[in-house]
Amino acid sequence: MADRLDYIEFPSSDRAGTNGFFRAAFGWTMISYGPDYDAIGEAGIDGGIDQSAERVAATMAVVQTDDLDAAEARVKAAGGVITREQFDFPGGRRFHCREPGGNELAVYVARPE
């Protein structure tokens, strides 16, 4: 299925504190991907904790698509605003957008395996 909610990212100014909270409160596991990012496991949906300087200000839903350029065109046509142009990341390529109600989303296409 194209265009499905696939991932959730939590911004954090204290990654270790956020990790500890999620582990203790919910039993989720963490996988480190460097000094600024950890993936969340066993939470029912994949997710991550982002401590990078470029992190968004609020929790962000991530949508997986089959065609990033087509998805970007649909976002714009529907009244969305691109907040971060397409860029590469370890899992593929993505962009960020804001929908008319103010929520920021990421849309990505996975890197072929």
C-alpha atoms as a PDB file:
ATOM      1  CA  MET A   1       0.000   0.000   0.000  1.00  0.00           C
ATOM      2  CA  ALA A   2       1.405   3.387  -0.963  1.00  0.00           C
ATOM      3  CA  ASP A   3       1.166   6.426   1.310  1.00  0.00           C
ATOM      4  CA  ARG A   4       0.835   4.691   4.655  1.00  0.00           C
ATOM      5  CA  LEU A   5       1.668   5.913   8.136  1.00  0.00           C
ATOM      6  CA  ASP A   6       4.873   4.038   8.839  1.00  0.00           C
ATOM      7  CA  TYR A   7       6.971   5.689  11.555  1.00  0.00           C
ATOM      8  CA  ILE A   8       6.885   8.322  14.286  1.00  0.00           C
ATOM      9  CA  GLU A   9       9.746  10.556  15.377  1.00  0.00           C
ATOM     10  CA  PHE A  10      10.080  12.149  18.783  1.00  0.00           C
ATOM     11  CA  PRO A  11      12.314  15.222  19.051  1.00  0.00           C
ATOM     12  CA  SER A  12      14.342  15.350  22.259  1.00  0.00           C
ATOM     13  CA  SER A  13      16.739  17.731  23.931  1.00  0.00           C
ATOM     14  CA  ASP A  14      17.760  14.827  26.222  1.00  0.00           C
ATOM     15  CA  ARG A  15      17.963  11.641  24.165  1.00  0.00           C
ATOM     16  CA  ALA A  16      19.238   9.541  27.081  1.00  0.00           C
ATOM     17  CA  GLY A  17      16.402  10.766  29.282  1.00  0.00           C
ATOM     18  CA  THR A  18      13.791  10.094  26.612  1.00  0.00           C
ATOM     19  CA  ASN A  19      15.236   6.616  25.995  1.00  0.00           C
ATOM     20  CA  GLY A  20      15.215   5.821  29.702  1.00  0.00           C
ATOM     21  CA  PHE A  21      11.635   7.005  30.059  1.00  0.00           C
ATOM     22  CA  PHE A  22      10.356   4.929  27.117  1.00  0.00           C
ATOM     23  CA  ARG A  23      12.233   1.838  28.335  1.00  0.00           C
ATOM     24  CA  ALA A  24      11.022   2.146  31.943  1.00  0.00           C
ATOM     25  CA  ALA A  25       7.447   3.250  31.224  1.00  0.00           C
ATOM     26  CA  PHE A  26       6.648   1.061  28.219  1.00  0.00           C
ATOM     27  CA  GLY A  27       9.404  -1.559  27.857  1.00  0.00           C
ATOM     28  CA  TRP A  28      10.429  -0.333  24.387  1.00  0.00           C
ATOM     29  CA  THR A  29      13.883  -1.179  23.070  1.00  0.00           C
ATOM     30  CA  MET A  30      16.387   1.265  21.536  1.00  0.00           C
ATOM     31  CA  ILE A  31      18.942   0.913  18.747  1.00  0.00           C
ATOM     32  CA  SER A  32      21.542   3.679  18.477  1.00  0.00           C
ATOM     33  CA  TYR A  33      22.284   5.175  15.046  1.00  0.00           C
ATOM     34  CA  GLY A  34      24.974   7.582  16.152  1.00  0.00           C
ATOM     35  CA  PRO A  35      25.235  10.461  18.579  1.00  0.00           C
ATOM     36  CA  ASP A  36      21.889  12.087  17.712  1.00  0.00           C
ATOM     37  CA  TYR A  37      19.417   9.365  16.754  1.00  0.00           C
ATOM     38  CA  ASP A  38      17.994   6.157  18.198  1.00  0.00           C
ATOM     39  CA  ALA A  39      15.392   3.844  16.699  1.00  0.00           C
ATOM     40  CA  ILE A  40      12.556   2.573  18.874  1.00  0.00           C
ATOM     41  CA  GLY A  41      11.570  -1.093  18.804  1.00  0.00           C
ATOM     42  CA  GLU A  42       8.700  -3.143  20.204  1.00  0.00           C
ATOM     43  CA  ALA A  43       6.347  -0.131  20.323  1.00  0.00           C
ATOM     44  CA  GLY A  44       3.662  -1.289  17.884  1.00  0.00           C
ATOM     45  CA  ILE A  45       4.919   1.116  15.198  1.00  0.00           C
ATOM     46  CA  ASP A  46       8.518   1.859  14.292  1.00  0.00           C
ATOM     47  CA  GLY A  47       9.870   5.137  15.587  1.00  0.00           C
ATOM     48  CA  GLY A  48      12.878   7.141  16.562  1.00  0.00           C
ATOM     49  CA  ILE A  49      14.252   9.729  18.954  1.00  0.00           C
ATOM     50  CA  ASP A  50      15.989  12.672  17.285  1.00  0.00           C
ATOM     51  CA  GLN A  51      18.368  14.914  19.206  1.00  0.00           C
ATOM     52  CA  SER A  52      19.966  16.543  16.121  1.00  0.00           C
ATOM     53  CA  ALA A  53      20.099  20.302  15.685  1.00  0.00           C
ATOM     54  CA  GLU A  54      17.774  19.908  12.646  1.00  0.00           C
ATOM     55  CA  ARG A  55      15.044  18.069  14.562  1.00  0.00           C
ATOM     56  CA  VAL A  56      11.491  19.311  14.295  1.00  0.00           C
ATOM     57  CA  ALA A  57       9.842  20.960  17.287  1.00  0.00           C
ATOM     58  CA  ALA A  58       7.033  18.441  17.811  1.00  0.00           C
ATOM     59  CA  THR A  59       6.390  14.736  17.396  1.00  0.00           C
ATOM     60  CA  MET A  60       6.251  13.983  13.677  1.00  0.00           C
ATOM     61  CA  ALA A  61       4.408  11.241  11.813  1.00  0.00           C
ATOM     62  CA  VAL A  62       6.273   9.717   8.877  1.00  0.00           C
ATOM     63  CA  VAL A  63       4.469   8.502   5.748  1.00  0.00           C
ATOM     64  CA  GLN A  64       5.999   5.938   3.385  1.00  0.00           C
ATOM     65  CA  THR A  65       5.277   6.344  -0.327  1.00  0.00           C
ATOM     66  CA  ASP A  66       6.238   4.592  -3.565  1.00  0.00           C
ATOM     67  CA  ASP A  67       7.019   7.770  -5.553  1.00  0.00           C
ATOM     68  CA  LEU A  68       8.509  10.711  -3.653  1.00  0.00           C
ATOM     69  CA  ASP A  69       8.164  13.266  -6.456  1.00  0.00           C
ATOM     70  CA  ALA A  70       4.504  12.373  -7.032  1.00  0.00           C
ATOM     71  CA  ALA A  71       3.806  12.522  -3.285  1.00  0.00           C
ATOM     72  CA  GLU A  72       5.427  15.971  -3.084  1.00  0.00           C
ATOM     73  CA  ALA A  73       3.251  17.182  -5.956  1.00  0.00           C
ATOM     74  CA  ARG A  74       0.112  15.855  -4.217  1.00  0.00           C
ATOM     75  CA  VAL A  75       1.125  17.524  -0.937  1.00  0.00           C
ATOM     76  CA  LYS A  76       1.539  20.889  -2.676  1.00  0.00           C
ATOM     77  CA  ALA A  77      -1.711  20.498  -4.643  1.00  0.00           C
ATOM     78  CA  ALA A  78      -3.575  19.731  -1.409  1.00  0.00           C
ATOM     79  CA  GLY A  79      -2.359  22.970   0.222  1.00  0.00           C
ATOM     80  CA  GLY A  80       0.663  21.603   2.066  1.00  0.00           C
ATOM     81  CA  VAL A  81       3.853  23.614   2.466  1.00  0.00           C
ATOM     82  CA  ILE A  82       7.286  22.021   2.012  1.00  0.00           C
ATOM     83  CA  THR A  83       9.309  22.792   5.150  1.00  0.00           C
ATOM     84  CA  ARG A  84      12.423  20.808   4.208  1.00  0.00           C
ATOM     85  CA  GLU A  85      13.327  19.945   0.626  1.00  0.00           C
ATOM     86  CA  GLN A  86      14.060  16.342  -0.365  1.00  0.00           C
ATOM     87  CA  PHE A  87      17.197  14.899   1.228  1.00  0.00           C
ATOM     88  CA  ASP A  88      18.914  11.542   1.636  1.00  0.00           C
ATOM     89  CA  PHE A  89      18.945   9.735   4.989  1.00  0.00           C
ATOM     90  CA  PRO A  90      20.121   6.210   5.897  1.00  0.00           C
ATOM     91  CA  GLY A  91      16.747   4.615   5.072  1.00  0.00           C
ATOM     92  CA  GLY A  92      16.124   6.364   1.748  1.00  0.00           C
ATOM     93  CA  ARG A  93      15.054   9.838   0.663  1.00  0.00           C
ATOM     94  CA  ARG A  94      12.454  12.152   2.216  1.00  0.00           C
ATOM     95  CA  PHE A  95      11.006  15.633   2.556  1.00  0.00           C
ATOM     96  CA  HIS A  96       9.115  17.411   5.331  1.00  0.00           C
ATOM     97  CA  CYS A  97       5.843  19.293   4.909  1.00  0.00           C
ATOM     98  CA  ARG A  98       3.213  21.097   6.975  1.00  0.00           C
ATOM     99  CA  GLU A  99      -0.475  20.489   6.400  1.00  0.00           C
ATOM    100  CA  PRO A 100      -2.948  23.413   6.619  1.00  0.00           C
ATOM    101  CA  GLY A 101      -3.750  22.680  10.287  1.00  0.00           C
ATOM    102  CA  GLY A 102      -0.099  23.090  11.280  1.00  0.00           C
ATOM    103  CA  ASN A 103       1.105  19.497  11.737  1.00  0.00           C
ATOM    104  CA  GLU A 104       4.512  18.685  10.282  1.00  0.00           C
ATOM    105  CA  LEU A 105       4.954  15.357   8.511  1.00  0.00           C
ATOM    106  CA  ALA A 106       7.784  13.581   6.769  1.00  0.00           C
ATOM    107  CA  VAL A 107       7.195  11.651   3.546  1.00  0.00           C
ATOM    108  CA  TYR A 108       9.796   9.128   2.405  1.00  0.00           C
ATOM    109  CA  VAL A 109      10.618   6.493  -0.130  1.00  0.00           C
ATOM    110  CA  ALA A 110      12.729   3.588   1.098  1.00  0.00           C
ATOM    111  CA  ARG A 111      16.164   2.928  -0.343  1.00  0.00           C
ATOM    112  CA  PRO A 112      16.032  -0.160  -2.580  1.00  0.00           C
ATOM    113  CA  GLU A 113      17.577  -3.209  -0.926  1.00  0.00           C
END
